[in-house]
Amino acid sequence: MYKLIFFVALLVLIFLIPLSQFRAPTGAYGVGKINYHWIDTTRKEHNAEDTNISRECMVHIYYPTNNRTNNPVTPYDKQALLRTKKFINALSGIPQCLFRGWDSLKTYTHNNAPISTDKANFPIIIFSHGMGTMAQHYTWILEELTSYGYIVVGINHPYVAAITQFSDKRIIECAMTQKKCLGKESFNAWKNEQIHTCVEDTEFIIKKLKELNDKNNEFLQEKLDFSRLGIIGHSFGGDIALVLASQNKNIKAVINMDGGERSIKYAMIKEPFSTPTIMLLAEESHNWQGEQGIKSRNNFDQFCNEHTNYISQIIIKNAGHGVFSDLPILLNSTLFSRLISLFYDFDTGTTATSGVAIIDNIAQDIIKFFGIHFNQQKTDK
């Protein structure tokens, strides 16, 4: 009997009880969040069967609050968790049910909390997700930036995001798998179309943010400082960030996390490129592997070398493409997922524990870069 109890307790410990919670933001502010579902009636949704449908976006705005907490309060996004479990299962064949311990993870975001009155307004950072992921898969950096006094705007781009769930509960799935079935040439053409579409999305969102800023009795009225506007993106989102900055000179600073030539054609970037930019590159990223990866990296380096006055690179050692997302934090949270990270590389290029340490270092680089360009003094908790 005692052996059975011990065995059951051991299973619970391994699979269900988190050894660590979600990564805590290190800045002085608390994190609030509000969602907006916006429709651009000037554009049609070309990815939909019904070509008369207007383009829609789901926007998640994180903002500083005075209510800073040392304890996580809000469950991690269910849809983001589900997609991550499916990703893990597709790579390893490990049943999703063995990651049930992740379901109890909580983040530090307070939904609809009062915005901080500490300052008259705050700099704005647009966040652009990778293809097949969603803004919520990068909760660690959304919360981290917010805690240092930024208003961070995460956009889920329909048909590019893993899913886009609108306020009326409709769900749009990512079209990437479907488009890949059409062949490499057609898929690449579709990706290039989506870069333009997502850049247009972001321009539309900036316009809507300005409307919020100017609107009487609006939650964010006069809180957004458009003279300090930056963008950060991962993978495909990094490509979007570069193209947007080349076209919109109101963008004052850019961080591209491991985006590269496979998705972007640098001819899209209007010359001269003159926005301060930092390229965070994962040393072990699949973007730079193989014959095509080496060619991509050469093209990438050439672009950077042509703009050395504005672009710098930081190479993240012993890291893979997925290390910039929440994945290392999730893997590190339970004993089971920590152990399997020793044997499986889930596109992070490292173990769970080392991945979390890498994230902490990335956070320092990001906060330092935006702090320099937006005069945000670093204030730790």
Protein backbone atom coordinates (compact mmCIF):
# COMPACT_ATOMS: atom_id res chain seq x y z
CA MET A 1 0.00 0.00 0.00
CA TYR A 2 2.76 2.41 0.98
CA LYS A 3 4.67 1.56 -2.18
CA LEU A 4 1.59 2.41 -4.25
CA ILE A 5 1.15 5.72 -2.44
CA PHE A 6 4.82 6.52 -2.94
CA PHE A 7 4.60 5.61 -6.63
CA VAL A 8 1.52 7.80 -7.16
CA ALA A 9 3.16 10.68 -5.28
CA LEU A 10 6.25 10.33 -7.41
CA LEU A 11 4.20 10.45 -10.61
CA VAL A 12 2.41 13.57 -9.40
CA LEU A 13 5.73 15.21 -8.60
CA ILE A 14 7.21 14.32 -11.97
CA PHE A 15 4.31 15.25 -14.22
CA LEU A 16 1.91 17.58 -12.40
CA ILE A 17 3.64 19.76 -9.83
CA PRO A 18 5.70 22.66 -11.24
CA LEU A 19 9.17 22.99 -9.75
CA SER A 20 9.21 26.62 -10.81
CA GLN A 21 6.63 29.17 -11.87
CA PHE A 22 6.71 31.48 -14.86
CA ARG A 23 9.64 33.86 -15.16
CA ALA A 24 9.14 37.00 -13.05
CA PRO A 25 9.63 40.40 -14.72
CA THR A 26 12.63 42.25 -13.29
CA GLY A 27 11.48 45.88 -13.69
CA ALA A 28 9.82 48.14 -11.14
CA TYR A 29 6.31 48.23 -12.66
CA GLY A 30 3.45 45.79 -12.52
CA VAL A 31 1.97 44.49 -15.78
CA GLY A 32 -1.55 45.26 -16.99
CA LYS A 33 -3.23 44.04 -20.16
CA ILE A 34 -6.16 44.96 -22.36
CA ASN A 35 -7.26 43.37 -25.66
CA TYR A 36 -8.66 44.97 -28.79
CA HIS A 37 -10.29 43.43 -31.86
CA TRP A 38 -9.82 45.83 -34.75
CA ILE A 39 -11.13 45.62 -38.33
CA ASP A 40 -9.48 47.45 -41.21
CA THR A 41 -12.36 48.20 -43.56
CA THR A 42 -9.95 49.62 -46.15
CA ARG A 43 -8.35 46.20 -46.81
CA LYS A 44 -9.73 42.82 -47.81
CA GLU A 45 -8.66 39.49 -46.33
CA HIS A 46 -6.95 37.81 -49.28
CA ASN A 47 -6.33 34.61 -47.32
CA ALA A 48 -10.03 33.93 -46.84
CA GLU A 49 -12.29 32.08 -49.28
CA ASP A 50 -14.70 35.01 -49.12
CA THR A 51 -12.65 37.84 -50.65
CA ASN A 52 -15.18 40.45 -49.48
CA ILE A 53 -14.19 40.03 -45.83
CA SER A 54 -12.23 42.90 -44.29
CA ARG A 55 -8.84 42.29 -42.69
CA GLU A 56 -9.03 41.85 -38.91
CA CYS A 57 -6.39 41.77 -36.18
CA MET A 58 -6.38 40.82 -32.52
CA VAL A 59 -4.22 43.13 -30.43
CA HIS A 60 -2.93 42.51 -26.90
CA ILE A 61 -1.68 45.66 -25.19
CA TYR A 62 0.52 45.32 -22.10
CA TYR A 63 1.06 48.47 -20.02
CA PRO A 64 2.76 49.50 -16.76
CA THR A 65 0.77 49.52 -13.54
CA ASN A 66 1.60 50.62 -10.01
CA ASN A 67 0.36 47.27 -8.70
CA ARG A 68 3.56 45.26 -8.85
CA THR A 69 3.33 41.74 -7.45
CA ASN A 70 5.97 39.15 -6.60
CA ASN A 71 3.52 36.34 -7.27
CA PRO A 72 2.09 35.18 -10.63
CA VAL A 73 -1.64 35.84 -10.86
CA THR A 74 -3.05 34.97 -14.30
CA PRO A 75 -3.09 31.50 -15.92
CA TYR A 76 -0.81 31.16 -18.92
CA ASP A 77 -2.75 31.43 -22.17
CA LYS A 78 -4.55 28.14 -22.86
CA GLN A 79 -4.35 28.35 -26.63
CA ALA A 80 -0.62 29.11 -26.52
CA LEU A 81 -0.11 26.11 -24.22
CA LEU A 82 -2.10 23.82 -26.50
CA ARG A 83 -0.06 24.83 -29.55
CA THR A 84 3.21 24.35 -27.67
CA LYS A 85 2.16 20.86 -26.54
CA LYS A 86 1.25 19.97 -30.12
CA PHE A 87 4.65 21.25 -31.28
CA ILE A 88 6.44 19.11 -28.69
CA ASN A 89 4.36 16.08 -29.64
CA ALA A 90 5.08 16.56 -33.36
CA LEU A 91 8.84 16.68 -32.73
CA SER A 92 9.15 13.87 -30.21
CA GLY A 93 5.96 11.81 -30.18
CA ILE A 94 5.63 12.43 -26.41
CA PRO A 95 1.91 12.49 -25.45
CA GLN A 96 0.55 15.93 -24.65
CA CYS A 97 -1.01 14.67 -21.43
CA LEU A 98 2.46 14.30 -19.89
CA PHE A 99 2.81 18.09 -19.91
CA ARG A 100 -0.31 18.69 -17.85
CA GLY A 101 1.81 20.29 -15.14
CA TRP A 102 2.19 23.31 -17.41
CA ASP A 103 -1.53 23.98 -17.06
CA SER A 104 -1.02 25.39 -13.56
CA LEU A 105 1.55 27.98 -14.66
CA LYS A 106 0.61 31.60 -14.08
CA THR A 107 2.02 34.85 -15.42
CA TYR A 108 2.35 38.28 -13.80
CA THR A 109 -0.19 40.07 -15.97
CA HIS A 110 -3.25 41.74 -14.41
CA ASN A 111 -6.05 42.00 -16.97
CA ASN A 112 -7.68 45.45 -17.17
CA ALA A 113 -5.74 46.83 -14.19
CA PRO A 114 -5.42 50.65 -13.84
CA ILE A 115 -2.53 52.09 -15.83
CA SER A 116 0.35 53.61 -13.89
CA THR A 117 0.12 57.30 -13.02
CA ASP A 118 3.85 57.43 -12.32
CA LYS A 119 4.57 59.13 -15.66
CA ALA A 120 2.53 61.21 -18.08
CA ASN A 121 3.17 58.75 -20.92
CA PHE A 122 5.28 55.78 -21.90
CA PRO A 123 7.31 54.64 -24.94
CA ILE A 124 5.65 52.13 -27.26
CA ILE A 125 7.10 48.82 -28.41
CA ILE A 126 5.32 46.84 -31.14
CA PHE A 127 5.86 43.09 -30.89
CA SER A 128 5.66 40.83 -33.96
CA HIS A 129 5.49 37.04 -33.54
CA GLY A 130 7.05 34.33 -35.68
CA MET A 131 5.14 32.35 -38.29
CA GLY A 132 3.13 29.58 -36.67
CA THR A 133 3.39 31.12 -33.20
CA MET A 134 1.39 33.89 -31.54
CA ALA A 135 2.09 36.92 -29.35
CA GLN A 136 1.23 34.94 -26.22
CA HIS A 137 4.11 32.55 -26.93
CA TYR A 138 6.44 35.41 -25.97
CA THR A 139 4.81 36.40 -22.70
CA TRP A 140 8.17 36.59 -20.94
CA ILE A 141 9.44 39.47 -23.09
CA LEU A 142 6.05 41.22 -23.21
CA GLU A 143 5.95 41.28 -19.41
CA GLU A 144 9.65 42.11 -19.06
CA LEU A 145 9.49 45.18 -21.30
CA THR A 146 6.28 46.37 -19.67
CA SER A 147 7.84 46.13 -16.22
CA TYR A 148 10.47 48.66 -17.34
CA GLY A 149 7.90 51.26 -18.31
CA TYR A 150 6.93 50.43 -21.90
CA ILE A 151 3.53 49.99 -23.46
CA VAL A 152 3.97 46.78 -25.45
CA VAL A 153 1.60 45.98 -28.31
CA GLY A 154 1.44 42.32 -29.33
CA ILE A 155 -0.36 41.71 -32.62
CA ASN A 156 -1.73 38.34 -33.71
CA HIS A 157 -1.77 38.33 -37.52
CA PRO A 158 -4.52 36.05 -38.91
CA TYR A 159 -3.34 33.09 -41.02
CA VAL A 160 0.27 33.73 -39.92
CA ALA A 161 -0.25 33.28 -36.17
CA ALA A 162 -0.68 29.74 -34.83
CA ILE A 163 -4.23 30.83 -34.15
CA THR A 164 -5.99 34.15 -33.97
CA GLN A 165 -8.94 34.08 -31.59
CA PHE A 166 -11.16 37.12 -32.00
CA SER A 167 -13.31 38.69 -29.30
CA ASP A 168 -16.38 36.93 -30.72
CA LYS A 169 -14.60 33.56 -30.18
CA ARG A 170 -13.96 32.91 -33.89
CA ILE A 171 -10.64 31.19 -34.47
CA ILE A 172 -8.41 31.52 -37.54
CA GLU A 173 -5.80 28.77 -37.89
CA CYS A 174 -2.34 29.30 -39.37
CA ALA A 175 -2.29 28.65 -43.12
CA MET A 176 1.41 27.71 -43.24
CA THR A 177 0.94 23.92 -43.45
CA GLN A 178 -1.71 24.25 -46.13
CA LYS A 179 0.46 26.60 -48.20
CA LYS A 180 3.52 24.34 -47.91
CA CYS A 181 1.55 21.59 -49.65
CA LEU A 182 1.40 23.79 -52.76
CA GLY A 183 5.15 23.54 -53.29
CA LYS A 184 8.22 25.59 -52.37
CA GLU A 185 7.76 28.30 -54.99
CA SER A 186 4.13 28.93 -54.12
CA PHE A 187 4.88 28.83 -50.40
CA ASN A 188 7.67 31.40 -50.69
CA ALA A 189 5.45 33.67 -52.77
CA TRP A 190 2.75 33.40 -50.09
CA LYS A 191 5.27 34.24 -47.34
CA ASN A 192 6.38 37.35 -49.21
CA GLU A 193 2.74 38.40 -49.55
CA GLN A 194 2.27 37.92 -45.80
CA ILE A 195 5.24 40.17 -45.02
CA HIS A 196 3.51 43.01 -46.86
CA THR A 197 0.16 42.14 -45.26
CA CYS A 198 1.62 42.07 -41.74
CA VAL A 199 3.48 45.34 -42.28
CA GLU A 200 0.16 46.86 -43.36
CA ASP A 201 -1.44 45.34 -40.25
CA THR A 202 1.14 47.07 -38.08
CA GLU A 203 0.67 50.42 -39.79
CA PHE A 204 -3.07 50.05 -39.24
CA ILE A 205 -2.53 49.21 -35.55
CA ILE A 206 -0.32 52.27 -35.09
CA LYS A 207 -3.12 54.38 -36.56
CA LYS A 208 -5.64 52.82 -34.16
CA LEU A 209 -3.29 53.42 -31.22
CA LYS A 210 -3.15 57.10 -32.14
CA GLU A 211 -6.93 57.19 -32.12
CA LEU A 212 -6.93 55.70 -28.61
CA ASN A 213 -4.36 58.23 -27.49
CA ASP A 214 -6.48 61.15 -28.72
CA LYS A 215 -9.88 59.86 -27.64
CA ASN A 216 -11.56 61.42 -24.60
CA ASN A 217 -12.17 59.06 -21.68
CA GLU A 218 -10.25 56.29 -23.41
CA PHE A 219 -8.25 53.98 -21.16
CA LEU A 220 -4.95 54.89 -22.85
CA GLN A 221 -5.71 58.56 -23.52
CA GLU A 222 -2.45 60.56 -23.75
CA LYS A 223 -0.47 57.62 -22.34
CA LEU A 224 1.26 56.62 -25.59
CA ASP A 225 4.40 58.52 -26.56
CA PHE A 226 4.70 58.20 -30.34
CA SER A 227 7.99 60.07 -30.35
CA ARG A 228 9.43 56.92 -28.74
CA LEU A 229 8.17 54.10 -30.94
CA GLY A 230 10.08 50.85 -31.41
CA ILE A 231 9.48 47.33 -32.70
CA ILE A 232 10.78 43.89 -31.80
CA GLY A 233 10.10 40.67 -33.67
CA HIS A 234 11.15 37.04 -33.71
CA SER A 235 11.85 35.01 -36.86
CA PHE A 236 9.24 36.03 -39.45
CA GLY A 237 8.29 38.83 -37.06
CA GLY A 238 11.89 40.06 -37.13
CA ASP A 239 11.61 40.36 -40.88
CA ILE A 240 8.41 42.38 -40.48
CA ALA A 241 10.20 44.66 -38.01
CA LEU A 242 12.99 45.42 -40.50
CA VAL A 243 10.66 46.09 -43.42
CA LEU A 244 8.37 48.29 -41.32
CA ALA A 245 11.29 50.34 -39.99
CA SER A 246 12.56 50.89 -43.53
CA GLN A 247 9.18 52.31 -44.54
CA ASN A 248 8.08 54.11 -41.39
CA LYS A 249 10.66 56.57 -40.10
CA ASN A 250 8.64 57.08 -36.93
CA ILE A 251 10.12 53.75 -35.81
CA LYS A 252 13.12 54.79 -33.74
CA ALA A 253 14.62 51.43 -32.72
CA VAL A 254 14.40 47.81 -33.91
CA ILE A 255 15.29 44.42 -32.46
CA ASN A 256 15.29 41.45 -34.81
CA MET A 257 15.47 38.12 -32.99
CA ASP A 258 16.82 35.52 -35.40
CA GLY A 259 14.92 36.61 -38.49
CA GLY A 260 16.77 35.98 -41.71
CA GLU A 261 17.01 35.63 -45.47
CA ARG A 262 14.80 32.53 -45.68
CA SER A 263 11.71 34.64 -45.12
CA ILE A 264 12.76 38.06 -46.28
CA LYS A 265 14.14 39.40 -49.51
CA TYR A 266 16.27 42.38 -48.58
CA ALA A 267 15.10 44.14 -51.74
CA MET A 268 11.90 44.77 -49.79
CA ILE A 269 13.86 47.05 -47.48
CA LYS A 270 13.98 50.53 -48.88
CA GLU A 271 17.43 52.09 -48.92
CA PRO A 272 19.04 53.66 -47.08
CA PHE A 273 18.19 51.76 -43.92
CA SER A 274 18.88 54.17 -41.08
CA THR A 275 17.02 52.92 -37.99
CA PRO A 276 19.12 51.85 -34.97
CA THR A 277 18.86 48.05 -34.96
CA ILE A 278 20.21 45.14 -33.00
CA MET A 279 20.26 41.65 -34.49
CA LEU A 280 20.05 38.92 -31.85
CA LEU A 281 21.13 35.70 -33.56
CA ALA A 282 21.03 32.19 -32.10
CA GLU A 283 24.31 30.41 -32.81
CA GLU A 284 22.67 26.99 -33.34
CA SER A 285 19.56 28.27 -35.15
CA HIS A 286 18.21 26.16 -38.00
CA ASN A 287 18.05 29.44 -39.96
CA TRP A 288 21.80 29.26 -40.46
CA GLN A 289 22.26 25.49 -40.95
CA GLY A 290 22.92 23.63 -44.19
CA GLU A 291 23.73 25.00 -47.62
CA GLN A 292 20.71 27.29 -47.72
CA GLY A 293 21.34 28.44 -44.16
CA ILE A 294 24.95 29.38 -44.91
CA LYS A 295 23.81 31.34 -47.95
CA SER A 296 21.15 33.05 -45.86
CA ARG A 297 23.70 33.99 -43.23
CA ASN A 298 26.08 35.40 -45.84
CA ASN A 299 23.29 37.56 -47.26
CA PHE A 300 22.29 38.58 -43.75
CA ASP A 301 25.86 39.55 -42.83
CA GLN A 302 26.24 41.48 -46.07
CA PHE A 303 23.13 43.52 -45.27
CA CYS A 304 24.43 44.23 -41.76
CA ASN A 305 27.89 45.20 -43.04
CA GLU A 306 26.34 47.64 -45.50
CA HIS A 307 24.63 49.39 -42.59
CA THR A 308 27.23 49.23 -39.84
CA ASN A 309 26.38 52.75 -38.65
CA TYR A 310 22.94 51.55 -37.62
CA ILE A 311 23.03 47.77 -37.21
CA SER A 312 24.91 45.63 -34.70
CA GLN A 313 24.83 41.89 -34.05
CA ILE A 314 24.84 39.88 -30.85
CA ILE A 315 25.40 36.14 -31.21
CA ILE A 316 23.62 34.05 -28.56
CA LYS A 317 25.94 31.12 -27.86
CA ASN A 318 24.64 27.54 -27.48
CA ALA A 319 21.12 28.62 -28.43
CA GLY A 320 18.58 27.58 -31.07
CA HIS A 321 15.87 29.45 -32.92
CA GLY A 322 13.15 28.77 -30.34
CA VAL A 323 15.09 30.02 -27.32
CA PHE A 324 13.55 33.49 -27.69
CA SER A 325 10.06 32.21 -26.95
CA ASP A 326 8.50 30.99 -23.69
CA LEU A 327 9.49 27.40 -24.50
CA PRO A 328 12.57 27.20 -22.22
CA ILE A 329 10.47 28.51 -19.31
CA LEU A 330 7.75 25.94 -19.91
CA LEU A 331 10.26 23.10 -20.26
CA ASN A 332 11.97 24.15 -17.04
CA SER A 333 8.76 24.21 -15.00
CA THR A 334 8.26 20.46 -14.32
CA LEU A 335 10.71 17.70 -13.48
CA PHE A 336 9.57 15.62 -16.45
CA SER A 337 10.03 18.35 -19.05
CA ARG A 338 13.38 19.33 -17.54
CA LEU A 339 14.57 15.77 -17.91
CA ILE A 340 13.41 15.32 -21.49
CA SER A 341 15.11 18.59 -22.47
CA LEU A 342 18.38 16.75 -21.76
CA PHE A 343 17.63 14.31 -24.58
CA TYR A 344 15.45 16.23 -27.06
CA ASP A 345 16.25 19.52 -28.75
CA PHE A 346 12.94 21.32 -29.13
CA ASP A 347 14.47 23.99 -31.37
CA THR A 348 16.00 25.79 -28.37
CA GLY A 349 19.49 24.37 -28.91
CA THR A 350 19.97 23.85 -25.18
CA THR A 351 18.50 22.32 -22.03
CA ALA A 352 15.58 23.88 -20.21
CA THR A 353 17.62 25.26 -17.31
CA SER A 354 20.29 26.72 -19.58
CA GLY A 355 17.56 28.15 -21.82
CA VAL A 356 16.09 30.14 -18.94
CA ALA A 357 19.55 31.53 -18.14
CA ILE A 358 19.93 32.52 -21.81
CA ILE A 359 16.57 34.29 -21.69
CA ASP A 360 17.75 36.32 -18.68
CA ASN A 361 20.81 37.45 -20.66
CA ILE A 362 18.69 38.28 -23.72
CA ALA A 363 16.42 40.37 -21.49
CA GLN A 364 19.39 42.45 -20.34
CA ASP A 365 20.43 43.13 -23.95
CA ILE A 366 16.89 44.15 -24.93
CA ILE A 367 16.28 46.41 -21.94
CA LYS A 368 19.68 48.07 -22.38
CA PHE A 369 19.13 48.72 -26.09
CA PHE A 370 15.67 50.24 -25.81
CA GLY A 371 16.71 52.09 -22.64
CA ILE A 372 19.49 53.87 -24.53
CA HIS A 373 17.28 54.90 -27.43
CA PHE A 374 14.22 55.85 -25.38
CA ASN A 375 15.92 57.34 -22.33
CA GLN A 376 14.46 54.73 -20.04
CA GLN A 377 16.61 54.47 -16.95
CA LYS A 378 17.07 50.86 -15.85
CA THR A 379 15.30 50.35 -12.53
CA ASP A 380 15.40 46.88 -11.07
CA LYS A 381 13.02 45.52 -8.52
